[in-house]
């Protein structure tokens, strides 16, 4: 009768693995990890492709676009200045890092991808520096194949005209 009341053996690796696969939390965690990876990894790879292939002509020398921060901000590396953040002039896009609602975040992602695509498709890129903003970012006009990027982004519906001052909501 002693064999009936013996303590159970601990579960082996196969049983533990099967239990994990049966747990819905495993799938939820997987989706979250893949989603976050997609939000970080995919844009980073796209930006690295642009950085390796695209130079931007400026009066101070050729710069490289390291990263599209959001639809109207870039990270550049320039010979004289090193790595700098650059705010594109003439338009405003939704905020990616401090969105006021989910719709603004989604629109910001779309705007950032639209800018990446425009940069990738362009043969000639040039920028004109026009000072710095209160946050220390370089203010620039970016032209892609002779077309102001502000006009292209506004025309595509990813931004709106902006010359400073109060900005409207995207929610």
N, C-alpha and C. Protein backbone atom coordinates (compact mmCIF):
# COMPACT_ATOMS: atom_id res chain seq x y z
N UNK A 1 0.81 -1.19 0.00
CA UNK A 1 0.00 0.00 0.00
C UNK A 1 0.86 1.26 0.00
N UNK A 2 2.16 1.14 0.33
CA UNK A 2 3.04 2.31 0.39
C UNK A 2 3.28 2.94 -0.97
N UNK A 3 3.15 2.16 -2.01
CA UNK A 3 3.40 2.70 -3.35
C UNK A 3 2.32 3.68 -3.77
N UNK A 4 1.11 3.64 -3.16
CA UNK A 4 0.03 4.57 -3.52
C UNK A 4 0.31 5.99 -3.05
N UNK A 5 1.04 6.12 -1.95
CA UNK A 5 1.20 7.44 -1.36
C UNK A 5 2.61 7.99 -1.48
N UNK A 6 3.36 7.46 -2.42
CA UNK A 6 4.70 7.99 -2.66
C UNK A 6 4.61 9.36 -3.32
N UNK A 7 5.54 10.25 -3.06
CA UNK A 7 5.52 11.54 -3.75
C UNK A 7 5.76 11.34 -5.25
N UNK A 8 5.11 12.17 -6.05
CA UNK A 8 5.27 12.08 -7.51
C UNK A 8 6.66 12.53 -7.91
N UNK A 9 7.17 11.91 -8.97
CA UNK A 9 8.46 12.34 -9.50
C UNK A 9 8.30 13.71 -10.12
N UNK A 10 9.35 14.55 -10.08
CA UNK A 10 9.26 15.84 -10.76
C UNK A 10 9.09 15.62 -12.26
N UNK A 11 8.39 16.52 -12.90
CA UNK A 11 8.14 16.41 -14.33
C UNK A 11 9.45 16.51 -15.10
N UNK A 12 9.59 15.69 -16.12
CA UNK A 12 10.78 15.71 -16.96
C UNK A 12 10.73 16.84 -17.97
N UNK A 13 11.79 17.00 -18.74
CA UNK A 13 11.85 18.11 -19.70
C UNK A 13 10.76 18.04 -20.77
N UNK A 14 10.40 16.84 -21.18
CA UNK A 14 9.36 16.69 -22.19
C UNK A 14 8.01 17.16 -21.65
N UNK A 15 7.68 16.74 -20.46
CA UNK A 15 6.40 17.14 -19.85
C UNK A 15 6.38 18.64 -19.61
N UNK A 16 7.50 19.21 -19.12
CA UNK A 16 7.54 20.66 -18.90
C UNK A 16 7.37 21.41 -20.22
N UNK A 17 8.00 20.92 -21.30
CA UNK A 17 7.86 21.55 -22.60
C UNK A 17 6.43 21.50 -23.12
N UNK A 18 5.78 20.35 -22.94
CA UNK A 18 4.38 20.22 -23.38
C UNK A 18 3.46 21.14 -22.58
N UNK A 19 3.73 21.24 -21.27
CA UNK A 19 2.92 22.16 -20.45
C UNK A 19 3.09 23.60 -20.92
N UNK A 20 4.32 23.96 -21.26
CA UNK A 20 4.57 25.33 -21.75
C UNK A 20 3.80 25.58 -23.04
N UNK A 21 3.81 24.63 -23.95
CA UNK A 21 3.09 24.80 -25.22
C UNK A 21 1.58 24.87 -25.02
N UNK A 22 1.09 24.27 -23.97
CA UNK A 22 -0.35 24.29 -23.69
C UNK A 22 -0.77 25.58 -22.99
N UNK A 23 0.17 26.34 -22.49
CA UNK A 23 -0.14 27.57 -21.74
C UNK A 23 -0.33 28.75 -22.69
N UNK A 24 -1.50 29.41 -22.68
CA UNK A 24 -1.72 30.55 -23.59
C UNK A 24 -0.79 31.73 -23.32
N UNK A 25 -0.28 31.83 -22.11
CA UNK A 25 0.65 32.94 -21.81
C UNK A 25 1.93 32.83 -22.64
N UNK A 26 2.34 31.60 -22.97
CA UNK A 26 3.51 31.39 -23.82
C UNK A 26 3.31 32.07 -25.18
N UNK A 27 2.13 31.92 -25.75
CA UNK A 27 1.85 32.51 -27.07
C UNK A 27 1.73 34.02 -26.99
N UNK A 28 1.13 34.52 -25.93
CA UNK A 28 1.02 35.97 -25.74
C UNK A 28 2.40 36.60 -25.62
N UNK A 29 3.27 36.00 -24.83
CA UNK A 29 4.63 36.51 -24.69
C UNK A 29 5.36 36.47 -26.03
N UNK A 30 5.17 35.40 -26.79
CA UNK A 30 5.83 35.28 -28.10
C UNK A 30 5.38 36.39 -29.04
N UNK A 31 4.09 36.67 -29.07
CA UNK A 31 3.56 37.72 -29.94
C UNK A 31 4.12 39.08 -29.53
N UNK A 32 4.19 39.34 -28.24
CA UNK A 32 4.71 40.62 -27.75
C UNK A 32 6.18 40.77 -28.12
N UNK A 33 6.97 39.73 -27.92
CA UNK A 33 8.39 39.79 -28.24
C UNK A 33 8.60 40.00 -29.74
N UNK A 34 7.87 39.28 -30.56
CA UNK A 34 7.99 39.43 -32.02
C UNK A 34 7.54 40.82 -32.46
N UNK A 35 6.47 41.33 -31.87
CA UNK A 35 5.98 42.67 -32.22
C UNK A 35 6.98 43.75 -31.87
N UNK A 36 7.52 43.68 -30.68
CA UNK A 36 8.52 44.66 -30.28
C UNK A 36 9.79 44.53 -31.11
N UNK A 37 10.17 43.31 -31.41
CA UNK A 37 11.33 43.10 -32.28
C UNK A 37 11.11 43.70 -33.65
N UNK A 38 9.91 43.56 -34.17
CA UNK A 38 9.58 44.15 -35.46
C UNK A 38 9.60 45.66 -35.45
N UNK A 39 9.20 46.26 -34.33
CA UNK A 39 9.21 47.72 -34.22
C UNK A 39 10.62 48.28 -34.09
N UNK A 40 11.56 47.46 -33.64
CA UNK A 40 12.93 47.93 -33.45
C UNK A 40 13.86 47.39 -34.52
N UNK A 41 13.83 46.09 -34.74
CA UNK A 41 14.79 45.45 -35.62
C UNK A 41 14.59 45.81 -37.09
N UNK A 42 13.36 45.74 -37.58
CA UNK A 42 13.11 46.00 -39.01
C UNK A 42 13.49 47.43 -39.40
N UNK A 43 13.04 48.48 -38.64
CA UNK A 43 13.47 49.83 -39.01
C UNK A 43 14.99 50.02 -38.93
N UNK A 44 15.63 49.38 -37.97
CA UNK A 44 17.08 49.51 -37.83
C UNK A 44 17.79 48.94 -39.05
N UNK A 45 17.35 47.79 -39.52
CA UNK A 45 17.96 47.19 -40.71
C UNK A 45 17.73 48.09 -41.93
N UNK A 46 16.51 48.61 -42.07
CA UNK A 46 16.21 49.51 -43.20
C UNK A 46 17.09 50.76 -43.15
N UNK A 47 17.28 51.32 -41.97
CA UNK A 47 18.13 52.50 -41.84
C UNK A 47 19.59 52.18 -42.15
N UNK A 48 20.06 51.00 -41.74
CA UNK A 48 21.43 50.61 -42.04
C UNK A 48 21.65 50.45 -43.54
N UNK A 49 20.65 49.96 -44.24
CA UNK A 49 20.75 49.84 -45.69
C UNK A 49 20.88 51.23 -46.31
N UNK A 50 20.03 52.17 -45.85
CA UNK A 50 20.11 53.55 -46.35
C UNK A 50 21.46 54.17 -46.02
N UNK A 51 21.94 53.97 -44.80
CA UNK A 51 23.22 54.57 -44.39
C UNK A 51 24.37 54.05 -45.23
N UNK A 52 24.33 52.79 -45.58
CA UNK A 52 25.41 52.22 -46.36
C UNK A 52 25.41 52.64 -47.81
N UNK A 53 24.25 53.04 -48.32
CA UNK A 53 24.13 53.32 -49.74
C UNK A 53 23.95 54.79 -50.09
N UNK A 54 23.41 55.60 -49.18
CA UNK A 54 23.00 56.95 -49.53
C UNK A 54 23.88 58.01 -48.87
N UNK A 55 24.37 58.93 -49.68
CA UNK A 55 25.04 60.12 -49.15
C UNK A 55 24.18 61.32 -49.51
N UNK A 56 24.23 62.32 -48.65
CA UNK A 56 23.46 63.53 -48.83
C UNK A 56 24.43 64.68 -49.05
N UNK A 57 24.32 65.33 -50.20
CA UNK A 57 25.22 66.44 -50.51
C UNK A 57 24.78 67.68 -49.73
N UNK A 58 25.76 68.37 -49.14
CA UNK A 58 25.49 69.65 -48.47
C UNK A 58 26.67 70.57 -48.72
N UNK A 59 26.51 71.83 -48.39
CA UNK A 59 27.57 72.81 -48.61
C UNK A 59 28.80 72.49 -47.76
N UNK A 60 28.62 71.83 -46.62
CA UNK A 60 29.73 71.49 -45.73
C UNK A 60 30.34 70.13 -46.03
N UNK A 61 29.87 69.45 -47.04
CA UNK A 61 30.39 68.12 -47.37
C UNK A 61 29.29 67.08 -47.34
N UNK A 62 29.61 65.91 -47.83
CA UNK A 62 28.61 64.85 -47.88
C UNK A 62 28.35 64.26 -46.51
N UNK A 63 27.06 64.10 -46.20
CA UNK A 63 26.63 63.47 -44.95
C UNK A 63 25.99 62.13 -45.29
N UNK A 64 25.84 61.30 -44.28
CA UNK A 64 25.10 60.04 -44.43
C UNK A 64 23.92 60.05 -43.49
N UNK A 65 22.80 59.52 -43.97
CA UNK A 65 21.62 59.38 -43.11
C UNK A 65 21.78 58.08 -42.34
N UNK A 66 21.94 58.20 -41.02
CA UNK A 66 22.10 57.01 -40.19
C UNK A 66 20.77 56.39 -39.82
N UNK A 67 19.77 57.26 -39.58
CA UNK A 67 18.52 56.75 -39.05
C UNK A 67 17.39 57.72 -39.31
N UNK A 68 16.23 57.18 -39.64
CA UNK A 68 15.01 57.98 -39.69
C UNK A 68 14.40 57.86 -38.30
N UNK A 69 14.43 58.96 -37.54
CA UNK A 69 13.92 58.95 -36.17
C UNK A 69 12.40 58.91 -36.20
N UNK A 70 11.81 59.84 -36.93
CA UNK A 70 10.38 59.82 -37.21
C UNK A 70 10.17 60.51 -38.55
N UNK A 71 8.96 60.86 -38.89
CA UNK A 71 8.66 61.37 -40.22
C UNK A 71 9.30 62.69 -40.56
N UNK A 72 9.78 63.44 -39.57
CA UNK A 72 10.40 64.74 -39.85
C UNK A 72 11.73 64.95 -39.13
N UNK A 73 12.35 63.88 -38.66
CA UNK A 73 13.63 63.98 -37.96
C UNK A 73 14.56 62.86 -38.40
N UNK A 74 15.82 63.22 -38.66
CA UNK A 74 16.83 62.26 -39.09
C UNK A 74 18.04 62.32 -38.18
N UNK A 75 18.79 61.24 -38.12
CA UNK A 75 20.13 61.26 -37.53
C UNK A 75 21.11 61.22 -38.69
N UNK A 76 22.02 62.18 -38.71
CA UNK A 76 23.02 62.28 -39.78
C UNK A 76 24.41 62.16 -39.20
N UNK A 77 25.34 61.74 -40.04
CA UNK A 77 26.75 61.83 -39.67
C UNK A 77 27.41 62.64 -40.78
N UNK A 78 28.00 63.75 -40.37
CA UNK A 78 28.61 64.68 -41.33
C UNK A 78 30.09 64.85 -40.98
N UNK A 79 30.93 65.16 -42.00
CA UNK A 79 32.37 65.25 -41.77
C UNK A 79 32.75 66.28 -40.72
N UNK A 80 32.15 67.46 -40.76
CA UNK A 80 32.54 68.53 -39.82
C UNK A 80 31.86 68.40 -38.46
N UNK A 81 30.62 67.90 -38.44
CA UNK A 81 29.82 67.93 -37.22
C UNK A 81 29.75 66.61 -36.48
N UNK A 82 30.13 65.51 -37.12
CA UNK A 82 29.95 64.20 -36.52
C UNK A 82 28.48 63.81 -36.58
N UNK A 83 28.03 63.09 -35.57
CA UNK A 83 26.64 62.64 -35.56
C UNK A 83 25.74 63.74 -35.02
N UNK A 84 24.70 64.09 -35.80
CA UNK A 84 23.78 65.15 -35.41
C UNK A 84 22.34 64.71 -35.68
N UNK A 85 21.44 65.32 -34.94
CA UNK A 85 20.02 65.14 -35.18
C UNK A 85 19.56 66.30 -36.06
N UNK A 86 18.75 66.01 -37.07
CA UNK A 86 18.32 67.04 -38.02
C UNK A 86 16.80 67.05 -38.12
N UNK A 87 16.21 68.22 -37.93
CA UNK A 87 14.77 68.43 -38.07
C UNK A 87 14.51 68.94 -39.47
N UNK A 88 13.67 68.22 -40.22
CA UNK A 88 13.33 68.62 -41.58
C UNK A 88 12.32 69.76 -41.54
N UNK A 89 12.57 70.79 -42.31
CA UNK A 89 11.74 72.00 -42.29
C UNK A 89 10.59 71.92 -43.30
N UNK A 90 9.54 72.68 -43.00
CA UNK A 90 8.45 72.86 -43.93
C UNK A 90 7.24 71.99 -43.67
N UNK A 91 7.35 71.02 -42.79
CA UNK A 91 6.21 70.15 -42.50
C UNK A 91 6.33 69.54 -41.12
N UNK A 92 5.22 69.00 -40.65
CA UNK A 92 5.17 68.34 -39.35
C UNK A 92 4.51 66.99 -39.54
N UNK A 93 4.98 66.00 -38.81
CA UNK A 93 4.38 64.66 -38.85
C UNK A 93 3.99 64.28 -37.42
N UNK A 94 3.17 63.24 -37.28
CA UNK A 94 2.77 62.80 -35.94
C UNK A 94 3.97 62.40 -35.10
N UNK A 95 3.81 62.52 -33.78
CA UNK A 95 4.88 62.20 -32.85
C UNK A 95 4.94 60.70 -32.59
N UNK A 96 6.12 60.14 -32.74
CA UNK A 96 6.31 58.71 -32.54
C UNK A 96 6.66 58.39 -31.09
N UNK A 97 7.36 59.29 -30.41
CA UNK A 97 7.87 58.99 -29.08
C UNK A 97 7.03 59.55 -27.94
N UNK A 98 6.08 60.43 -28.25
CA UNK A 98 5.16 60.93 -27.23
C UNK A 98 3.78 61.10 -27.85
N UNK A 99 3.22 60.02 -28.40
CA UNK A 99 1.91 60.15 -29.04
C UNK A 99 0.82 60.38 -28.01
N UNK A 100 -0.20 61.10 -28.42
CA UNK A 100 -1.32 61.38 -27.51
C UNK A 100 -2.41 60.31 -27.63
N UNK A 101 -2.34 59.48 -28.67
CA UNK A 101 -3.31 58.40 -28.86
C UNK A 101 -2.70 57.34 -29.77
N UNK A 102 -3.35 56.20 -29.87
CA UNK A 102 -2.87 55.11 -30.70
C UNK A 102 -2.86 55.51 -32.18
N UNK A 103 -3.86 56.27 -32.61
CA UNK A 103 -3.93 56.69 -34.01
C UNK A 103 -2.72 57.54 -34.38
N UNK A 104 -2.26 58.39 -33.46
CA UNK A 104 -1.07 59.21 -33.73
C UNK A 104 0.17 58.34 -33.85
N UNK A 105 0.31 57.34 -32.99
CA UNK A 105 1.47 56.44 -33.06
C UNK A 105 1.49 55.68 -34.39
N UNK A 106 0.35 55.18 -34.80
CA UNK A 106 0.27 54.44 -36.07
C UNK A 106 0.60 55.37 -37.24
N UNK A 107 0.05 56.59 -37.21
CA UNK A 107 0.35 57.56 -38.28
C UNK A 107 1.83 57.92 -38.28
N UNK A 108 2.44 58.00 -37.10
CA UNK A 108 3.87 58.32 -37.00
C UNK A 108 4.72 57.21 -37.61
N UNK A 109 4.35 55.96 -37.36
CA UNK A 109 5.08 54.83 -37.96
C UNK A 109 4.95 54.87 -39.48
N UNK A 110 3.74 55.15 -39.96
CA UNK A 110 3.53 55.23 -41.42
C UNK A 110 4.36 56.36 -42.02
N UNK A 111 4.43 57.50 -41.33
CA UNK A 111 5.21 58.63 -41.83
C UNK A 111 6.70 58.31 -41.86
N UNK A 112 7.20 57.64 -40.83
CA UNK A 112 8.61 57.28 -40.79
C UNK A 112 8.94 56.31 -41.93
N UNK A 113 8.07 55.34 -42.17
CA UNK A 113 8.30 54.40 -43.27
C UNK A 113 8.18 55.08 -44.63
N UNK A 114 7.28 56.05 -44.74
CA UNK A 114 7.15 56.80 -46.00
C UNK A 114 8.44 57.57 -46.28
N UNK A 115 9.01 58.20 -45.25
CA UNK A 115 10.26 58.93 -45.43
C UNK A 115 11.40 57.98 -45.79
N UNK A 116 11.49 56.83 -45.11
CA UNK A 116 12.51 55.84 -45.46
C UNK A 116 12.40 55.42 -46.94
N UNK A 117 11.17 55.20 -47.37
CA UNK A 117 10.93 54.77 -48.75
C UNK A 117 11.33 55.86 -49.74
N UNK A 118 10.97 57.11 -49.45
CA UNK A 118 11.35 58.22 -50.33
C UNK A 118 12.87 58.32 -50.44
N UNK A 119 13.56 58.19 -49.31
CA UNK A 119 15.02 58.27 -49.30
C UNK A 119 15.61 57.10 -50.10
N UNK A 120 15.07 55.91 -49.89
CA UNK A 120 15.60 54.73 -50.58
C UNK A 120 15.44 54.84 -52.09
N UNK A 121 14.32 55.40 -52.55
CA UNK A 121 14.04 55.48 -53.98
C UNK A 121 14.78 56.63 -54.68
N UNK A 122 15.25 57.61 -53.92
CA UNK A 122 15.87 58.79 -54.51
C UNK A 122 17.28 58.49 -55.03
N UNK A 123 17.62 59.12 -56.14
CA UNK A 123 18.97 58.99 -56.69
C UNK A 123 19.89 60.10 -56.18
N UNK A 124 19.33 61.32 -56.05
CA UNK A 124 20.12 62.46 -55.58
C UNK A 124 19.49 63.03 -54.32
N UNK A 125 20.28 63.16 -53.28
CA UNK A 125 19.82 63.74 -52.02
C UNK A 125 20.68 64.95 -51.71
N UNK A 126 20.03 66.05 -51.34
CA UNK A 126 20.80 67.24 -50.95
C UNK A 126 20.08 67.92 -49.79
N UNK A 127 20.89 68.55 -48.95
CA UNK A 127 20.29 69.29 -47.84
C UNK A 127 20.92 70.65 -47.70
N UNK A 128 20.10 71.58 -47.20
CA UNK A 128 20.55 72.94 -46.93
C UNK A 128 20.31 73.21 -45.46
N UNK A 129 21.37 73.57 -44.76
CA UNK A 129 21.25 73.86 -43.33
C UNK A 129 20.69 75.26 -43.12
N UNK A 130 19.83 75.38 -42.11
CA UNK A 130 19.23 76.67 -41.81
C UNK A 130 19.19 76.92 -40.31
N UNK A 131 20.29 76.66 -39.64
CA UNK A 131 20.39 76.96 -38.21
C UNK A 131 20.08 75.75 -37.34
N UNK A 132 19.75 76.04 -36.07
CA UNK A 132 19.41 75.00 -35.11
C UNK A 132 18.13 75.38 -34.38
N UNK A 133 17.45 74.40 -33.84
CA UNK A 133 16.22 74.67 -33.09
C UNK A 133 16.54 74.71 -31.59
N UNK A 134 15.54 75.03 -30.75
CA UNK A 134 15.80 75.12 -29.31
C UNK A 134 16.27 73.80 -28.67
N UNK A 135 16.05 72.68 -29.35
CA UNK A 135 16.46 71.38 -28.82
C UNK A 135 17.86 71.00 -29.28
N UNK A 136 18.52 71.86 -30.02
CA UNK A 136 19.88 71.59 -30.50
C UNK A 136 19.93 70.81 -31.80
N UNK A 137 18.78 70.57 -32.40
CA UNK A 137 18.77 69.84 -33.68
C UNK A 137 19.11 70.80 -34.81
N UNK A 138 19.84 70.29 -35.79
CA UNK A 138 20.13 71.05 -37.00
C UNK A 138 18.83 71.17 -37.80
N UNK A 139 18.52 72.37 -38.26
CA UNK A 139 17.35 72.58 -39.11
C UNK A 139 17.79 72.50 -40.56
N UNK A 140 17.14 71.63 -41.34
CA UNK A 140 17.56 71.41 -42.73
C UNK A 140 16.37 71.32 -43.67
N UNK A 141 16.63 71.68 -44.91
CA UNK A 141 15.71 71.42 -46.02
C UNK A 141 16.31 70.25 -46.79
N UNK A 142 15.56 69.19 -46.95
CA UNK A 142 16.03 68.01 -47.65
C UNK A 142 15.33 67.92 -49.00
N UNK A 143 16.12 67.76 -50.04
CA UNK A 143 15.58 67.57 -51.38
C UNK A 143 15.97 66.19 -51.89
N UNK A 144 14.99 65.49 -52.46
CA UNK A 144 15.21 64.18 -53.04
C UNK A 144 14.92 64.29 -54.52
N UNK A 145 15.94 64.10 -55.35
CA UNK A 145 15.83 64.26 -56.80
C UNK A 145 15.25 65.62 -57.17
N UNK A 146 15.66 66.66 -56.45
CA UNK A 146 15.23 68.02 -56.73
C UNK A 146 13.88 68.42 -56.17
N UNK A 147 13.19 67.52 -55.47
CA UNK A 147 11.87 67.80 -54.90
C UNK A 147 12.02 67.92 -53.38
N UNK A 148 11.46 69.00 -52.82
CA UNK A 148 11.49 69.20 -51.37
C UNK A 148 10.72 68.06 -50.71
N UNK A 149 11.35 67.40 -49.75
CA UNK A 149 10.72 66.26 -49.08
C UNK A 149 9.45 66.70 -48.34
N UNK A 150 9.39 67.95 -47.88
CA UNK A 150 8.19 68.44 -47.21
C UNK A 150 7.00 68.36 -48.15
N UNK A 151 7.18 68.79 -49.37
CA UNK A 151 6.09 68.76 -50.35
C UNK A 151 5.65 67.32 -50.63
N UNK A 152 6.61 66.42 -50.76
CA UNK A 152 6.28 65.01 -51.04
C UNK A 152 5.53 64.37 -49.87
N UNK A 153 5.95 64.65 -48.65
CA UNK A 153 5.30 64.05 -47.48
C UNK A 153 3.89 64.62 -47.28
N UNK A 154 3.73 65.91 -47.52
CA UNK A 154 2.40 66.53 -47.39
C UNK A 154 1.48 65.98 -48.48
N UNK A 155 1.97 65.91 -49.69
CA UNK A 155 1.17 65.41 -50.81
C UNK A 155 0.73 63.97 -50.56
N UNK A 156 1.58 63.17 -49.94
CA UNK A 156 1.25 61.77 -49.67
C UNK A 156 0.34 61.60 -48.46
N UNK A 157 0.08 62.70 -47.73
CA UNK A 157 -0.81 62.63 -46.58
C UNK A 157 -0.15 62.22 -45.28
N UNK A 158 1.19 62.24 -45.24
CA UNK A 158 1.91 61.83 -44.04
C UNK A 158 2.32 63.01 -43.16
N UNK A 159 2.08 64.21 -43.62
CA UNK A 159 2.45 65.39 -42.85
C UNK A 159 1.57 66.56 -43.24
N UNK A 160 1.75 67.64 -42.52
CA UNK A 160 1.05 68.88 -42.88
C UNK A 160 2.01 70.04 -42.78
N UNK A 161 1.68 71.08 -43.50
CA UNK A 161 2.57 72.24 -43.56
C UNK A 161 2.77 72.81 -42.17
N UNK A 162 4.02 73.20 -41.90
CA UNK A 162 4.36 73.71 -40.57
C UNK A 162 5.51 74.69 -40.69
N UNK A 163 5.34 75.84 -40.10
CA UNK A 163 6.39 76.84 -40.13
C UNK A 163 6.80 77.30 -38.74
N UNK A 164 6.43 76.55 -37.72
CA UNK A 164 6.73 76.92 -36.34
C UNK A 164 5.45 77.24 -35.61
N UNK A 165 5.56 77.40 -34.30
CA UNK A 165 4.38 77.74 -33.51
C UNK A 165 3.65 76.51 -33.02
N UNK A 166 2.37 76.70 -32.67
CA UNK A 166 1.57 75.60 -32.16
C UNK A 166 1.26 74.59 -33.24
N UNK A 167 1.25 73.35 -32.84
CA UNK A 167 0.95 72.28 -33.79
C UNK A 167 -0.42 71.72 -33.44
N UNK A 168 -1.14 71.27 -34.45
CA UNK A 168 -2.45 70.66 -34.24
C UNK A 168 -2.32 69.23 -33.74
N UNK A 169 -3.44 68.67 -33.35
CA UNK A 169 -3.46 67.30 -32.86
C UNK A 169 -3.59 66.32 -34.02
N UNK A 170 -3.12 65.11 -33.80
CA UNK A 170 -3.23 64.05 -34.79
C UNK A 170 -4.23 63.00 -34.36
N UNK A 171 -4.86 63.22 -33.22
CA UNK A 171 -5.82 62.24 -32.70
C UNK A 171 -7.21 62.50 -33.26
